[in-house]
Each structure stands twice: as C-alpha cells, then as structure tokens.
C-alpha cells in the first residue's frame, strides 16, 4: 500500500486529489490518502444540496459546500475531523463491503484504546449507539475508492447548526439524509493519548495502519507539479463549480411564506437542475400590475442567492408588493 502525504485543508482541493488518484494515477496497489478539511459540508452525490444545509448559517460562517462523487448522506467537516480514503483496483468483490475496508481503521483505533469502535449497520462506525464515522464508496472504470470520516475532536454544535434545515423549506423529490447521534472519539482514547491534536492522531493512526514505527518506513507517493496542475483542473471542473455542487440537486418543490406589514406573500417554486423552473406568487398584499411580470423575471434563474438578488433588483417592488425591500423579497425566496 502507498501513502500520499497531504497538508491541504481546502475540501475543493482534497476531493480533487482523491478524484485524480482514482481516475488518472495507475493503481496497482491500494493508496491511502488522509485529509483534514476546514469547515465544510460534504454532500452525497445524489442529494438535494439545499435540503441538506442550513444555508443562512452556512453563508454567515463561510462554510464550504461541496458535492462528492460517492453516494450517502451529508457530513460536516472541520479541523477536528480526519478523513481517510482507500483508493484501489475494483476487484468486483469489495464494492459495498464496508467491513473489509473499515477494518484497518477499527483495528488501529482498538490499538489506541478505543475498544468499543465497531461497524454498525451498512456503513457507520460507532461507539455504543453513537456514530463517529460515516463511510461511502465510488467505482468507475475498474477502480474504486472507499472513504470515510473520523470525528476526532469536531465541534459537535457546528455539526448540528450547519446541517439543520428550517421546517418550512422543502417538499423534496430528492434523497434525504438520515441523521443520527454523533460523538467524537478523543474522549475514548487511552489516557496517554488525551493530549493529541488531529494532526497527532493522523500520524498515530497512519503508523498503526501500516504497522511500522516511523514514517520513513512507509512507501509514499509524492504529488508532482504536473499532478497538482491536473488536480486544480479537476477542482475547477467539479468542486469549485456551482453547477456541480448545487445544480445537480434533484428536482424539488419549494414553498416559502412570510407575513409582512403589507400582508402575506407566498412563493411556490419548482427547482430543477439548480434553476427555478416554475414559480407562482400568491398573497393578500395590494399590488399594482400583473404579478405574472414578477414570476416571469424569476423564472429560469439559478436558485442561488446572488442570482435571485440580481433578478429582484429588476423588479419594481413597491409597485407589485408595496412597502417591502429588496432584501425582504430575496429572503422570502431564498
């Protein structure tokens, strides 16, 4: 097995490294990649991004939102979370065999004092009834990766805040995540490991997986300048791309209502491919002109705050709605 050293913290780069290693680097033996992301939500391939995130909180905190290649549910990453990826040939037997690919992680954790760590259900690593790792896989053209999270010392409050969705949001045709109780594993480490940082933990678990005493004994693959050029191209094509992260969301219906001093306003939208496909506006406000003019301006634009704001600025809001602001209408729609 080869190890790829990596100190990047940008999830848009780290997912591109993983994609590059799987799709474009010859894989004759398994490759292990670790990465630690700055605050981000990583969305499953088949999920509705808007449904999975608390977008107001995410925007306020500057949290990255990135869609990955593999399926499964949304997960929150921060500097207290260690992510691992085993990249390997697809032997026709390993895909969906989470017991096989997570065993090196479980064994390493047992050696570090986390005796209760185990695989439970389809793809979760747990301690008791608390989840600390979600796992997923992706395969294409005879290659695959199996990757997962390890909540080492994550801010659990941020996990809840970033993934919380307001109840009035969405009646979705997409795939919903199943959120279960979570825990960090740091409190379960043996006493001598309690002062570990996430970096320390990464180094310790790396040595355990390879069964060696020092990094020098591990065979590594160092990314070259040519590798980095291609990695950045993949990042731009996928993980920095709004169409990939949001536009690939399944079609969904959205109903937004707000009570203003001018009366109630309700917007019913169908969003497909990340774009407002249809919109109808209702309410008991007193407006001039045809509300269909407003609907026409909003139809066909990205379901994205900047795009909605740009469209709303073209609307004579006082004419059609009365005394509300551009921000009021944008916040209603998004």
C-alpha atoms as a PDB file:
ATOM      1  CA  UNK A   1       0.000   0.000   0.000  1.00  0.00           C
ATOM      2  CA  UNK A   2       1.184   3.532  -0.838  1.00  0.00           C
ATOM      3  CA  UNK A   3       0.593   6.627   1.243  1.00  0.00           C
ATOM      4  CA  UNK A   4       0.056  10.085  -0.300  1.00  0.00           C
ATOM      5  CA  UNK A   5       1.220  12.878   2.038  1.00  0.00           C
ATOM      6  CA  UNK A   6      -1.176  15.828   2.011  1.00  0.00           C
ATOM      7  CA  UNK A   7      -1.400  19.021   4.063  1.00  0.00           C
ATOM      8  CA  UNK A   8      -4.246  20.720   2.128  1.00  0.00           C
ATOM      9  CA  UNK A   9      -7.284  21.934   4.090  1.00  0.00           C
ATOM     10  CA  UNK A  10      -9.490  23.127   1.215  1.00  0.00           C
ATOM     11  CA  UNK A  11     -12.201  20.484   0.583  1.00  0.00           C
ATOM     12  CA  UNK A  12     -12.436  21.536  -3.062  1.00  0.00           C
ATOM     13  CA  UNK A  13      -8.794  20.591  -3.473  1.00  0.00           C
ATOM     14  CA  UNK A  14      -8.862  17.478  -1.299  1.00  0.00           C
ATOM     15  CA  UNK A  15     -11.757  15.920  -3.187  1.00  0.00           C
ATOM     16  CA  UNK A  16      -9.947  16.736  -6.433  1.00  0.00           C
ATOM     17  CA  UNK A  17      -6.813  14.934  -5.157  1.00  0.00           C
ATOM     18  CA  UNK A  18      -8.922  11.881  -4.389  1.00  0.00           C
ATOM     19  CA  UNK A  19     -10.607  12.005  -7.800  1.00  0.00           C
ATOM     20  CA  UNK A  20      -7.272  12.395  -9.582  1.00  0.00           C
ATOM     21  CA  UNK A  21      -5.658   9.495  -7.735  1.00  0.00           C
ATOM     22  CA  UNK A  22      -8.571   7.207  -8.555  1.00  0.00           C
ATOM     23  CA  UNK A  23      -9.155   8.172 -12.167  1.00  0.00           C
ATOM     24  CA  UNK A  24      -5.728   9.106 -13.520  1.00  0.00           C
ATOM     25  CA  UNK A  25      -2.911   7.614 -11.446  1.00  0.00           C
ATOM     26  CA  UNK A  26      -2.151   3.952 -12.255  1.00  0.00           C
ATOM     27  CA  UNK A  27      -3.470   1.915  -9.333  1.00  0.00           C
ATOM     28  CA  UNK A  28      -1.744  -1.456  -8.983  1.00  0.00           C
ATOM     29  CA  UNK A  29      -1.936  -1.494  -5.208  1.00  0.00           C
ATOM     30  CA  UNK A  30      -4.106   0.341  -2.676  1.00  0.00           C
ATOM     31  CA  UNK A  31      -3.341   4.009  -1.995  1.00  0.00           C
ATOM     32  CA  UNK A  32      -4.130   5.670   1.340  1.00  0.00           C
ATOM     33  CA  UNK A  33      -4.969   9.380   1.407  1.00  0.00           C
ATOM     34  CA  UNK A  34      -5.698  11.360   4.557  1.00  0.00           C
ATOM     35  CA  UNK A  35      -7.126  14.869   4.509  1.00  0.00           C
ATOM     36  CA  UNK A  36      -8.330  17.397   7.071  1.00  0.00           C
ATOM     37  CA  UNK A  37     -10.794  19.978   5.755  1.00  0.00           C
ATOM     38  CA  UNK A  38     -11.551  23.442   7.012  1.00  0.00           C
ATOM     39  CA  UNK A  39     -15.249  23.905   7.948  1.00  0.00           C
ATOM     40  CA  UNK A  40     -17.339  22.408   5.160  1.00  0.00           C
ATOM     41  CA  UNK A  41     -20.394  20.331   4.365  1.00  0.00           C
ATOM     42  CA  UNK A  42     -19.753  17.455   2.003  1.00  0.00           C
ATOM     43  CA  UNK A  43     -22.915  16.476   0.135  1.00  0.00           C
ATOM     44  CA  UNK A  44     -23.628  12.985  -1.192  1.00  0.00           C
ATOM     45  CA  UNK A  45     -23.712  12.570  -4.969  1.00  0.00           C
ATOM     46  CA  UNK A  46     -27.490  12.046  -5.150  1.00  0.00           C
ATOM     47  CA  UNK A  47     -28.602  14.565  -2.553  1.00  0.00           C
ATOM     48  CA  UNK A  48     -30.526  17.806  -2.793  1.00  0.00           C
ATOM     49  CA  UNK A  49     -27.942  20.316  -1.556  1.00  0.00           C
ATOM     50  CA  UNK A  50     -30.455  22.954  -0.491  1.00  0.00           C
ATOM     51  CA  UNK A  51     -32.328  20.438   1.629  1.00  0.00           C
ATOM     52  CA  UNK A  52     -29.237  19.266   3.472  1.00  0.00           C
ATOM     53  CA  UNK A  53     -27.831  22.576   4.706  1.00  0.00           C
ATOM     54  CA  UNK A  54     -28.843  25.438   6.930  1.00  0.00           C
ATOM     55  CA  UNK A  55     -27.942  27.861   4.170  1.00  0.00           C
ATOM     56  CA  UNK A  56     -28.285  31.069   6.199  1.00  0.00           C
ATOM     57  CA  UNK A  57     -25.878  29.726   8.819  1.00  0.00           C
ATOM     58  CA  UNK A  58     -23.535  28.285   6.183  1.00  0.00           C
ATOM     59  CA  UNK A  59     -23.328  31.612   4.342  1.00  0.00           C
ATOM     60  CA  UNK A  60     -22.840  33.602   7.547  1.00  0.00           C
ATOM     61  CA  UNK A  61     -19.983  31.346   8.684  1.00  0.00           C
ATOM     62  CA  UNK A  62     -18.363  30.945   5.269  1.00  0.00           C
ATOM     63  CA  UNK A  63     -18.661  27.164   5.368  1.00  0.00           C
ATOM     64  CA  UNK A  64     -17.761  25.394   2.111  1.00  0.00           C
ATOM     65  CA  UNK A  65     -20.490  23.283   0.498  1.00  0.00           C
ATOM     66  CA  UNK A  66     -19.088  20.650  -1.866  1.00  0.00           C
ATOM     67  CA  UNK A  67     -20.686  17.641  -3.563  1.00  0.00           C
ATOM     68  CA  UNK A  68     -18.605  14.450  -3.629  1.00  0.00           C
ATOM     69  CA  UNK A  69     -18.612  11.619  -6.165  1.00  0.00           C
ATOM     70  CA  UNK A  70     -19.875   8.954  -3.773  1.00  0.00           C
ATOM     71  CA  UNK A  71     -23.412   8.469  -2.513  1.00  0.00           C
ATOM     72  CA  UNK A  72     -24.617   8.545   1.085  1.00  0.00           C
ATOM     73  CA  UNK A  73     -25.541  11.427   3.337  1.00  0.00           C
ATOM     74  CA  UNK A  74     -24.275  14.920   4.092  1.00  0.00           C
ATOM     75  CA  UNK A  75     -21.440  15.242   6.601  1.00  0.00           C
ATOM     76  CA  UNK A  76     -19.837  18.197   8.355  1.00  0.00           C
ATOM     77  CA  UNK A  77     -16.039  18.508   8.348  1.00  0.00           C
ATOM     78  CA  UNK A  78     -13.760  20.776  10.344  1.00  0.00           C
ATOM     79  CA  UNK A  79     -10.188  20.744  11.629  1.00  0.00           C
ATOM     80  CA  UNK A  80     -11.208  18.220  14.288  1.00  0.00           C
ATOM     81  CA  UNK A  81     -12.270  15.693  11.671  1.00  0.00           C
ATOM     82  CA  UNK A  82      -9.868  13.276   9.975  1.00  0.00           C
ATOM     83  CA  UNK A  83     -10.896  11.903   6.581  1.00  0.00           C
ATOM     84  CA  UNK A  84      -9.434   8.787   5.018  1.00  0.00           C
ATOM     85  CA  UNK A  85      -9.662   7.334   1.529  1.00  0.00           C
ATOM     86  CA  UNK A  86      -8.512   3.930   0.297  1.00  0.00           C
ATOM     87  CA  UNK A  87      -8.082   4.066  -3.493  1.00  0.00           C
ATOM     88  CA  UNK A  88      -7.746   0.666  -5.146  1.00  0.00           C
ATOM     89  CA  UNK A  89      -8.479  -1.516  -8.156  1.00  0.00           C
ATOM     90  CA  UNK A  90     -12.103  -2.652  -8.249  1.00  0.00           C
ATOM     91  CA  UNK A  91     -11.784  -6.406  -7.812  1.00  0.00           C
ATOM     92  CA  UNK A  92     -15.515  -6.955  -8.234  1.00  0.00           C
ATOM     93  CA  UNK A  93     -15.920  -8.046  -4.607  1.00  0.00           C
ATOM     94  CA  UNK A  94     -15.002  -5.059  -2.443  1.00  0.00           C
ATOM     95  CA  UNK A  95     -17.650  -2.527  -3.504  1.00  0.00           C
ATOM     96  CA  UNK A  96     -20.216  -2.196  -0.688  1.00  0.00           C
ATOM     97  CA  UNK A  97     -18.053  -4.393   1.565  1.00  0.00           C
ATOM     98  CA  UNK A  98     -17.626  -1.771   4.280  1.00  0.00           C
ATOM     99  CA  UNK A  99     -16.462  -4.355   6.809  1.00  0.00           C
ATOM    100  CA  UNK A 100     -13.413  -5.103   4.667  1.00  0.00           C
ATOM    101  CA  UNK A 101     -12.358  -1.517   4.042  1.00  0.00           C
ATOM    102  CA  UNK A 102     -13.021  -0.153   7.541  1.00  0.00           C
ATOM    103  CA  UNK A 103     -11.262  -2.967   9.385  1.00  0.00           C
ATOM    104  CA  UNK A 104      -7.819  -1.268   9.239  1.00  0.00           C
ATOM    105  CA  UNK A 105      -9.340   1.839  10.847  1.00  0.00           C
ATOM    106  CA  UNK A 106     -11.166  -0.141  13.544  1.00  0.00           C
ATOM    107  CA  UNK A 107      -8.056  -2.177  14.378  1.00  0.00           C
ATOM    108  CA  UNK A 108      -5.943   0.967  14.649  1.00  0.00           C
ATOM    109  CA  UNK A 109      -8.496   2.577  16.959  1.00  0.00           C
ATOM    110  CA  UNK A 110      -8.583  -0.525  19.171  1.00  0.00           C
ATOM    111  CA  UNK A 111      -4.793  -0.297  19.488  1.00  0.00           C
ATOM    112  CA  UNK A 112      -5.193   3.329  20.586  1.00  0.00           C
ATOM    113  CA  UNK A 113      -7.633   2.468  23.352  1.00  0.00           C
ATOM    114  CA  UNK A 114     -10.957   2.937  21.564  1.00  0.00           C
ATOM    115  CA  UNK A 115     -12.019  -0.619  22.294  1.00  0.00           C
ATOM    116  CA  UNK A 116     -15.730  -0.063  21.603  1.00  0.00           C
ATOM    117  CA  UNK A 117     -15.275   1.082  17.997  1.00  0.00           C
ATOM    118  CA  UNK A 118     -17.184  -1.135  15.564  1.00  0.00           C
ATOM    119  CA  UNK A 119     -19.023  -1.183  12.239  1.00  0.00           C
ATOM    120  CA  UNK A 120     -22.780  -0.979  12.703  1.00  0.00           C
ATOM    121  CA  UNK A 121     -25.440  -1.217  10.042  1.00  0.00           C
ATOM    122  CA  UNK A 122     -24.446  -0.636   6.454  1.00  0.00           C
ATOM    123  CA  UNK A 123     -21.636   1.905   6.665  1.00  0.00           C
ATOM    124  CA  UNK A 124     -21.330   3.597  10.076  1.00  0.00           C
ATOM    125  CA  UNK A 125     -18.575   3.264  12.655  1.00  0.00           C
ATOM    126  CA  UNK A 126     -19.933   3.694  16.162  1.00  0.00           C
ATOM    127  CA  UNK A 127     -19.116   3.549  19.837  1.00  0.00           C
ATOM    128  CA  UNK A 128     -22.192   2.185  21.559  1.00  0.00           C
ATOM    129  CA  UNK A 129     -25.127   3.909  19.884  1.00  0.00           C
ATOM    130  CA  UNK A 130     -23.125   6.982  18.867  1.00  0.00           C
ATOM    131  CA  UNK A 131     -21.734   7.430  15.376  1.00  0.00           C
ATOM    132  CA  UNK A 132     -18.256   8.840  14.797  1.00  0.00           C
ATOM    133  CA  UNK A 133     -17.677   7.815  11.185  1.00  0.00           C
ATOM    134  CA  UNK A 134     -19.780   7.641   8.033  1.00  0.00           C
ATOM    135  CA  UNK A 135     -18.404   5.791   5.023  1.00  0.00           C
ATOM    136  CA  UNK A 136     -19.108   5.742   1.303  1.00  0.00           C
ATOM    137  CA  UNK A 137     -17.740   4.250  -1.915  1.00  0.00           C
ATOM    138  CA  UNK A 138     -17.462   5.085  -5.587  1.00  0.00           C
ATOM    139  CA  UNK A 139     -16.363   2.891  -8.501  1.00  0.00           C
ATOM    140  CA  UNK A 140     -15.692   3.576 -12.177  1.00  0.00           C
ATOM    141  CA  UNK A 141     -13.633   2.022 -14.988  1.00  0.00           C
ATOM    142  CA  UNK A 142     -12.179  -0.779 -12.878  1.00  0.00           C
ATOM    143  CA  UNK A 143     -11.146   1.464  -9.983  1.00  0.00           C
ATOM    144  CA  UNK A 144     -12.802   2.472  -6.742  1.00  0.00           C
ATOM    145  CA  UNK A 145     -12.330   4.374  -3.541  1.00  0.00           C
ATOM    146  CA  UNK A 146     -13.740   3.782  -0.085  1.00  0.00           C
ATOM    147  CA  UNK A 147     -13.643   6.861   2.081  1.00  0.00           C
ATOM    148  CA  UNK A 148     -14.922   7.976   5.440  1.00  0.00           C
ATOM    149  CA  UNK A 149     -14.792  10.449   8.252  1.00  0.00           C
ATOM    150  CA  UNK A 150     -13.398  10.100  11.741  1.00  0.00           C
ATOM    151  CA  UNK A 151     -14.815  12.634  14.182  1.00  0.00           C
ATOM    152  CA  UNK A 152     -11.786  13.078  16.387  1.00  0.00           C
ATOM    153  CA  UNK A 153     -12.389  16.438  18.058  1.00  0.00           C
ATOM    154  CA  UNK A 154     -15.048  18.139  15.918  1.00  0.00           C
ATOM    155  CA  UNK A 155     -17.288  20.929  17.152  1.00  0.00           C
ATOM    156  CA  UNK A 156     -20.476  18.899  17.551  1.00  0.00           C
ATOM    157  CA  UNK A 157     -22.563  22.061  17.923  1.00  0.00           C
ATOM    158  CA  UNK A 158     -21.422  23.134  14.464  1.00  0.00           C
ATOM    159  CA  UNK A 159     -22.380  19.741  13.069  1.00  0.00           C
ATOM    160  CA  UNK A 160     -25.935  20.350  14.260  1.00  0.00           C
ATOM    161  CA  UNK A 161     -26.050  24.021  13.275  1.00  0.00           C
ATOM    162  CA  UNK A 162     -24.657  23.608   9.767  1.00  0.00           C
ATOM    163  CA  UNK A 163     -26.878  20.672   8.806  1.00  0.00           C
ATOM    164  CA  UNK A 164     -30.103  21.943  10.334  1.00  0.00           C
ATOM    165  CA  UNK A 165     -32.857  22.675   7.822  1.00  0.00           C
ATOM    166  CA  UNK A 166     -35.743  25.031   8.563  1.00  0.00           C
ATOM    167  CA  UNK A 167     -39.048  23.180   8.722  1.00  0.00           C
ATOM    168  CA  UNK A 168     -40.952  25.347   6.243  1.00  0.00           C
ATOM    169  CA  UNK A 169     -38.477  24.742   3.456  1.00  0.00           C
ATOM    170  CA  UNK A 170     -38.885  21.903   1.112  1.00  0.00           C
ATOM    171  CA  UNK A 171     -41.135  19.147  -0.058  1.00  0.00           C
ATOM    172  CA  UNK A 172     -38.446  17.249  -1.871  1.00  0.00           C
ATOM    173  CA  UNK A 173     -38.245  14.669  -4.579  1.00  0.00           C
ATOM    174  CA  UNK A 174     -34.604  14.113  -3.674  1.00  0.00           C
ATOM    175  CA  UNK A 175     -32.937  11.734  -1.239  1.00  0.00           C
ATOM    176  CA  UNK A 176     -32.976  12.620   2.439  1.00  0.00           C
ATOM    177  CA  UNK A 177     -30.086  12.037   4.834  1.00  0.00           C
ATOM    178  CA  UNK A 178     -30.619  10.021   7.996  1.00  0.00           C
ATOM    179  CA  UNK A 179     -29.075  11.963  10.867  1.00  0.00           C
ATOM    180  CA  UNK A 180     -28.129  10.016  13.952  1.00  0.00           C
ATOM    181  CA  UNK A 181     -26.449  10.908  17.210  1.00  0.00           C
ATOM    182  CA  UNK A 182     -22.745  11.541  16.870  1.00  0.00           C
ATOM    183  CA  UNK A 183     -19.689  11.573  19.098  1.00  0.00           C
ATOM    184  CA  UNK A 184     -16.013  12.424  18.961  1.00  0.00           C
ATOM    185  CA  UNK A 185     -13.609   9.609  19.676  1.00  0.00           C
ATOM    186  CA  UNK A 186     -10.996  11.680  21.545  1.00  0.00           C
ATOM    187  CA  UNK A 187     -12.677  11.115  24.941  1.00  0.00           C
ATOM    188  CA  UNK A 188     -12.440   7.354  24.341  1.00  0.00           C
ATOM    189  CA  UNK A 189      -8.702   7.295  23.669  1.00  0.00           C
ATOM    190  CA  UNK A 190      -6.381   5.852  26.278  1.00  0.00           C
ATOM    191  CA  UNK A 191      -5.111   8.303  28.889  1.00  0.00           C
ATOM    192  CA  UNK A 192      -1.694   8.781  27.272  1.00  0.00           C
ATOM    193  CA  UNK A 193      -3.402   9.908  24.040  1.00  0.00           C
ATOM    194  CA  UNK A 194      -5.688  12.556  25.528  1.00  0.00           C
ATOM    195  CA  UNK A 195      -3.394  15.457  24.595  1.00  0.00           C
ATOM    196  CA  UNK A 196      -3.379  14.549  20.909  1.00  0.00           C
ATOM    197  CA  UNK A 197      -4.262  17.077  18.209  1.00  0.00           C
ATOM    198  CA  UNK A 198      -5.928  15.978  14.996  1.00  0.00           C
ATOM    199  CA  UNK A 199      -2.502  16.048  13.298  1.00  0.00           C
ATOM    200  CA  UNK A 200      -1.039  13.883  16.078  1.00  0.00           C
ATOM    201  CA  UNK A 201      -3.950  11.489  15.700  1.00  0.00           C
ATOM    202  CA  UNK A 202      -3.419  11.302  11.931  1.00  0.00           C
ATOM    203  CA  UNK A 203       0.232  10.406  12.411  1.00  0.00           C
ATOM    204  CA  UNK A 204      -0.527   7.799  15.070  1.00  0.00           C
ATOM    205  CA  UNK A 205      -3.268   6.062  13.113  1.00  0.00           C
ATOM    206  CA  UNK A 206      -1.085   6.121   9.975  1.00  0.00           C
ATOM    207  CA  UNK A 207       1.659   4.160  11.750  1.00  0.00           C
ATOM    208  CA  UNK A 208      -0.909   1.725  13.163  1.00  0.00           C
ATOM    209  CA  UNK A 209      -2.418   1.035   9.737  1.00  0.00           C
ATOM    210  CA  UNK A 210       0.985   0.353   8.190  1.00  0.00           C
ATOM    211  CA  UNK A 211       2.264  -1.486  11.263  1.00  0.00           C
ATOM    212  CA  UNK A 212       5.505   0.488  11.469  1.00  0.00           C
ATOM    213  CA  UNK A 213       7.324   2.665  13.993  1.00  0.00           C
ATOM    214  CA  UNK A 214       8.123   5.698  11.824  1.00  0.00           C
ATOM    215  CA  UNK A 215       7.009   7.489   8.654  1.00  0.00           C
ATOM    216  CA  UNK A 216      10.311   6.686   6.978  1.00  0.00           C
ATOM    217  CA  UNK A 217       9.242   3.043   6.803  1.00  0.00           C
ATOM    218  CA  UNK A 218       6.119   3.908   4.754  1.00  0.00           C
ATOM    219  CA  UNK A 219       6.262   3.881   0.960  1.00  0.00           C
ATOM    220  CA  UNK A 220       4.872   7.204  -0.269  1.00  0.00           C
ATOM    221  CA  UNK A 221       3.758   8.808  -3.491  1.00  0.00           C
ATOM    222  CA  UNK A 222       4.670  12.499  -3.608  1.00  0.00           C
ATOM    223  CA  UNK A 223       2.411  14.614  -5.807  1.00  0.00           C
ATOM    224  CA  UNK A 224       4.370  16.315  -8.591  1.00  0.00           C
ATOM    225  CA  UNK A 225       3.922  19.732 -10.164  1.00  0.00           C
ATOM    226  CA  UNK A 226       2.181  18.020 -13.104  1.00  0.00           C
ATOM    227  CA  UNK A 227      -0.108  16.208 -10.661  1.00  0.00           C
ATOM    228  CA  UNK A 228      -1.055  19.490  -8.998  1.00  0.00           C
ATOM    229  CA  UNK A 229      -1.837  21.109 -12.344  1.00  0.00           C
ATOM    230  CA  UNK A 230      -4.333  18.367 -13.141  1.00  0.00           C
ATOM    231  CA  UNK A 231      -5.729  18.371  -9.595  1.00  0.00           C
ATOM    232  CA  UNK A 232      -6.521  22.076  -9.869  1.00  0.00           C
ATOM    233  CA  UNK A 233      -8.209  21.495 -13.229  1.00  0.00           C
ATOM    234  CA  UNK A 234     -10.412  18.803 -11.658  1.00  0.00           C
ATOM    235  CA  UNK A 235     -11.182  21.122  -8.745  1.00  0.00           C
ATOM    236  CA  UNK A 236     -12.321  23.842 -11.144  1.00  0.00           C
ATOM    237  CA  UNK A 237     -14.372  21.399 -13.231  1.00  0.00           C
ATOM    238  CA  UNK A 238     -16.174  19.834 -10.288  1.00  0.00           C
ATOM    239  CA  UNK A 239     -15.644  21.001  -6.738  1.00  0.00           C
ATOM    240  CA  UNK A 240     -15.398  24.765  -7.290  1.00  0.00           C
ATOM    241  CA  UNK A 241     -18.281  24.634  -9.761  1.00  0.00           C
ATOM    242  CA  UNK A 242     -21.744  25.825  -8.645  1.00  0.00           C
ATOM    243  CA  UNK A 243     -23.418  23.586 -11.228  1.00  0.00           C
ATOM    244  CA  UNK A 244     -21.776  20.512  -9.675  1.00  0.00           C
ATOM    245  CA  UNK A 245     -22.322  21.470  -6.043  1.00  0.00           C
ATOM    246  CA  UNK A 246     -25.874  22.849  -6.363  1.00  0.00           C
ATOM    247  CA  UNK A 247     -27.135  22.421  -9.914  1.00  0.00           C
ATOM    248  CA  UNK A 248     -27.012  18.624  -9.780  1.00  0.00           C
ATOM    249  CA  UNK A 249     -29.546  18.587  -6.958  1.00  0.00           C
ATOM    250  CA  UNK A 250     -32.652  16.523  -7.742  1.00  0.00           C
ATOM    251  CA  UNK A 251     -35.814  18.347  -8.763  1.00  0.00           C
ATOM    252  CA  UNK A 252     -37.735  19.676  -5.761  1.00  0.00           C
ATOM    253  CA  UNK A 253     -40.736  21.787  -4.870  1.00  0.00           C
ATOM    254  CA  UNK A 254     -40.338  24.678  -2.500  1.00  0.00           C
ATOM    255  CA  UNK A 255     -42.950  26.742  -0.668  1.00  0.00           C
ATOM    256  CA  UNK A 256     -41.924  29.949   1.115  1.00  0.00           C
ATOM    257  CA  UNK A 257     -44.294  32.141   3.105  1.00  0.00           C
ATOM    258  CA  UNK A 258     -43.757  35.361   5.032  1.00  0.00           C
ATOM    259  CA  UNK A 259     -46.051  37.831   6.758  1.00  0.00           C
ATOM    260  CA  UNK A 260     -45.106  41.466   6.184  1.00  0.00           C
ATOM    261  CA  UNK A 261     -46.896  44.660   7.200  1.00  0.00           C
ATOM    262  CA  UNK A 262     -48.203  44.842   3.619  1.00  0.00           C
ATOM    263  CA  UNK A 263     -49.775  41.388   4.014  1.00  0.00           C
ATOM    264  CA  UNK A 264     -48.705  37.812   3.428  1.00  0.00           C
ATOM    265  CA  UNK A 265     -46.602  36.735   0.457  1.00  0.00           C
ATOM    266  CA  UNK A 266     -46.233  33.122  -0.637  1.00  0.00           C
ATOM    267  CA  UNK A 267     -43.959  31.750  -3.365  1.00  0.00           C
ATOM    268  CA  UNK A 268     -44.340  28.250  -4.747  1.00  0.00           C
ATOM    269  CA  UNK A 269     -41.390  27.123  -6.843  1.00  0.00           C
ATOM    270  CA  UNK A 270     -40.236  24.088  -8.736  1.00  0.00           C
ATOM    271  CA  UNK A 271     -36.452  23.891  -8.931  1.00  0.00           C
ATOM    272  CA  UNK A 272     -34.772  21.557 -11.399  1.00  0.00           C
ATOM    273  CA  UNK A 273     -31.078  21.432 -12.223  1.00  0.00           C
ATOM    274  CA  UNK A 274     -30.493  24.172  -9.678  1.00  0.00           C
ATOM    275  CA  UNK A 275     -32.718  26.564 -11.671  1.00  0.00           C
ATOM    276  CA  UNK A 276     -36.170  27.964 -10.900  1.00  0.00           C
ATOM    277  CA  UNK A 277     -38.267  26.063 -13.421  1.00  0.00           C
ATOM    278  CA  UNK A 278     -41.638  27.485 -12.422  1.00  0.00           C
ATOM    279  CA  UNK A 279     -42.762  29.997  -9.798  1.00  0.00           C
ATOM    280  CA  UNK A 280     -46.153  31.273  -8.670  1.00  0.00           C
ATOM    281  CA  UNK A 281     -46.562  34.149  -6.230  1.00  0.00           C
ATOM    282  CA  UNK A 282     -49.665  34.482  -4.036  1.00  0.00           C
ATOM    283  CA  UNK A 283     -50.747  36.635  -1.107  1.00  0.00           C
ATOM    284  CA  UNK A 284     -53.174  39.183   0.317  1.00  0.00           C
ATOM    285  CA  UNK A 285     -50.962  42.194  -0.389  1.00  0.00           C
ATOM    286  CA  UNK A 286     -52.223  45.092  -2.514  1.00  0.00           C
ATOM    287  CA  UNK A 287     -50.118  45.492  -5.634  1.00  0.00           C
ATOM    288  CA  UNK A 288     -50.341  47.230  -8.988  1.00  0.00           C
ATOM    289  CA  UNK A 289     -49.700  45.496 -12.283  1.00  0.00           C
ATOM    290  CA  UNK A 290     -49.697  41.776 -13.011  1.00  0.00           C
ATOM    291  CA  UNK A 291     -47.807  39.544 -10.599  1.00  0.00           C
ATOM    292  CA  UNK A 292     -47.038  37.350 -13.614  1.00  0.00           C
ATOM    293  CA  UNK A 293     -44.486  40.028 -14.571  1.00  0.00           C
ATOM    294  CA  UNK A 294     -42.594  39.211 -11.364  1.00  0.00           C
ATOM    295  CA  UNK A 295     -42.923  35.471 -11.987  1.00  0.00           C
ATOM    296  CA  UNK A 296     -41.507  35.880 -15.489  1.00  0.00           C
ATOM    297  CA  UNK A 297     -38.424  37.739 -14.217  1.00  0.00           C
ATOM    298  CA  UNK A 298     -37.729  34.998 -11.669  1.00  0.00           C
ATOM    299  CA  UNK A 299     -38.313  32.031 -13.973  1.00  0.00           C
ATOM    300  CA  UNK A 300     -35.197  30.379 -15.390  1.00  0.00           C
ATOM    301  CA  UNK A 301     -32.653  31.877 -12.973  1.00  0.00           C
ATOM    302  CA  UNK A 302     -30.313  29.921 -10.724  1.00  0.00           C
ATOM    303  CA  UNK A 303     -31.669  29.058  -7.297  1.00  0.00           C
ATOM    304  CA  UNK A 304     -28.771  30.941  -5.789  1.00  0.00           C
ATOM    305  CA  UNK A 305     -28.854  33.998  -3.540  1.00  0.00           C
ATOM    306  CA  UNK A 306     -26.707  36.183  -5.789  1.00  0.00           C
ATOM    307  CA  UNK A 307     -28.742  35.300  -8.893  1.00  0.00           C
ATOM    308  CA  UNK A 308     -32.040  35.878  -7.085  1.00  0.00           C
ATOM    309  CA  UNK A 309     -30.816  39.216  -5.745  1.00  0.00           C
ATOM    310  CA  UNK A 310     -29.785  40.292  -9.249  1.00  0.00           C
ATOM    311  CA  UNK A 311     -33.224  39.365 -10.609  1.00  0.00           C
ATOM    312  CA  UNK A 312     -35.138  41.016  -7.766  1.00  0.00           C
ATOM    313  CA  UNK A 313     -33.281  44.283  -8.379  1.00  0.00           C
ATOM    314  CA  UNK A 314     -35.024  44.398 -11.781  1.00  0.00           C
ATOM    315  CA  UNK A 315     -38.453  44.340 -10.100  1.00  0.00           C
ATOM    316  CA  UNK A 316     -40.327  47.495  -9.095  1.00  0.00           C
ATOM    317  CA  UNK A 317     -41.068  46.063  -5.672  1.00  0.00           C
ATOM    318  CA  UNK A 318     -43.222  48.911  -4.372  1.00  0.00           C
ATOM    319  CA  UNK A 319     -45.414  48.703  -7.483  1.00  0.00           C
ATOM    320  CA  UNK A 320     -46.060  44.984  -7.255  1.00  0.00           C
ATOM    321  CA  UNK A 321     -45.968  44.410  -3.481  1.00  0.00           C
ATOM    322  CA  UNK A 322     -45.995  47.675  -1.560  1.00  0.00           C
ATOM    323  CA  UNK A 323     -43.647  48.757   1.215  1.00  0.00           C
ATOM    324  CA  UNK A 324     -41.147  45.902   1.429  1.00  0.00           C
ATOM    325  CA  UNK A 325     -37.471  45.937   0.492  1.00  0.00           C
ATOM    326  CA  UNK A 326     -35.328  44.056  -1.986  1.00  0.00           C
ATOM    327  CA  UNK A 327     -33.784  42.176   0.943  1.00  0.00           C
ATOM    328  CA  UNK A 328     -37.252  41.197   2.202  1.00  0.00           C
ATOM    329  CA  UNK A 329     -38.157  39.618  -1.111  1.00  0.00           C
ATOM    330  CA  UNK A 330     -34.801  37.903  -1.560  1.00  0.00           C
ATOM    331  CA  UNK A 331     -35.020  36.424   1.940  1.00  0.00           C
ATOM    332  CA  UNK A 332     -38.540  35.222   1.189  1.00  0.00           C
ATOM    333  CA  UNK A 333     -37.446  33.450  -1.991  1.00  0.00           C
ATOM    334  CA  UNK A 334     -34.157  32.036  -0.649  1.00  0.00           C
END
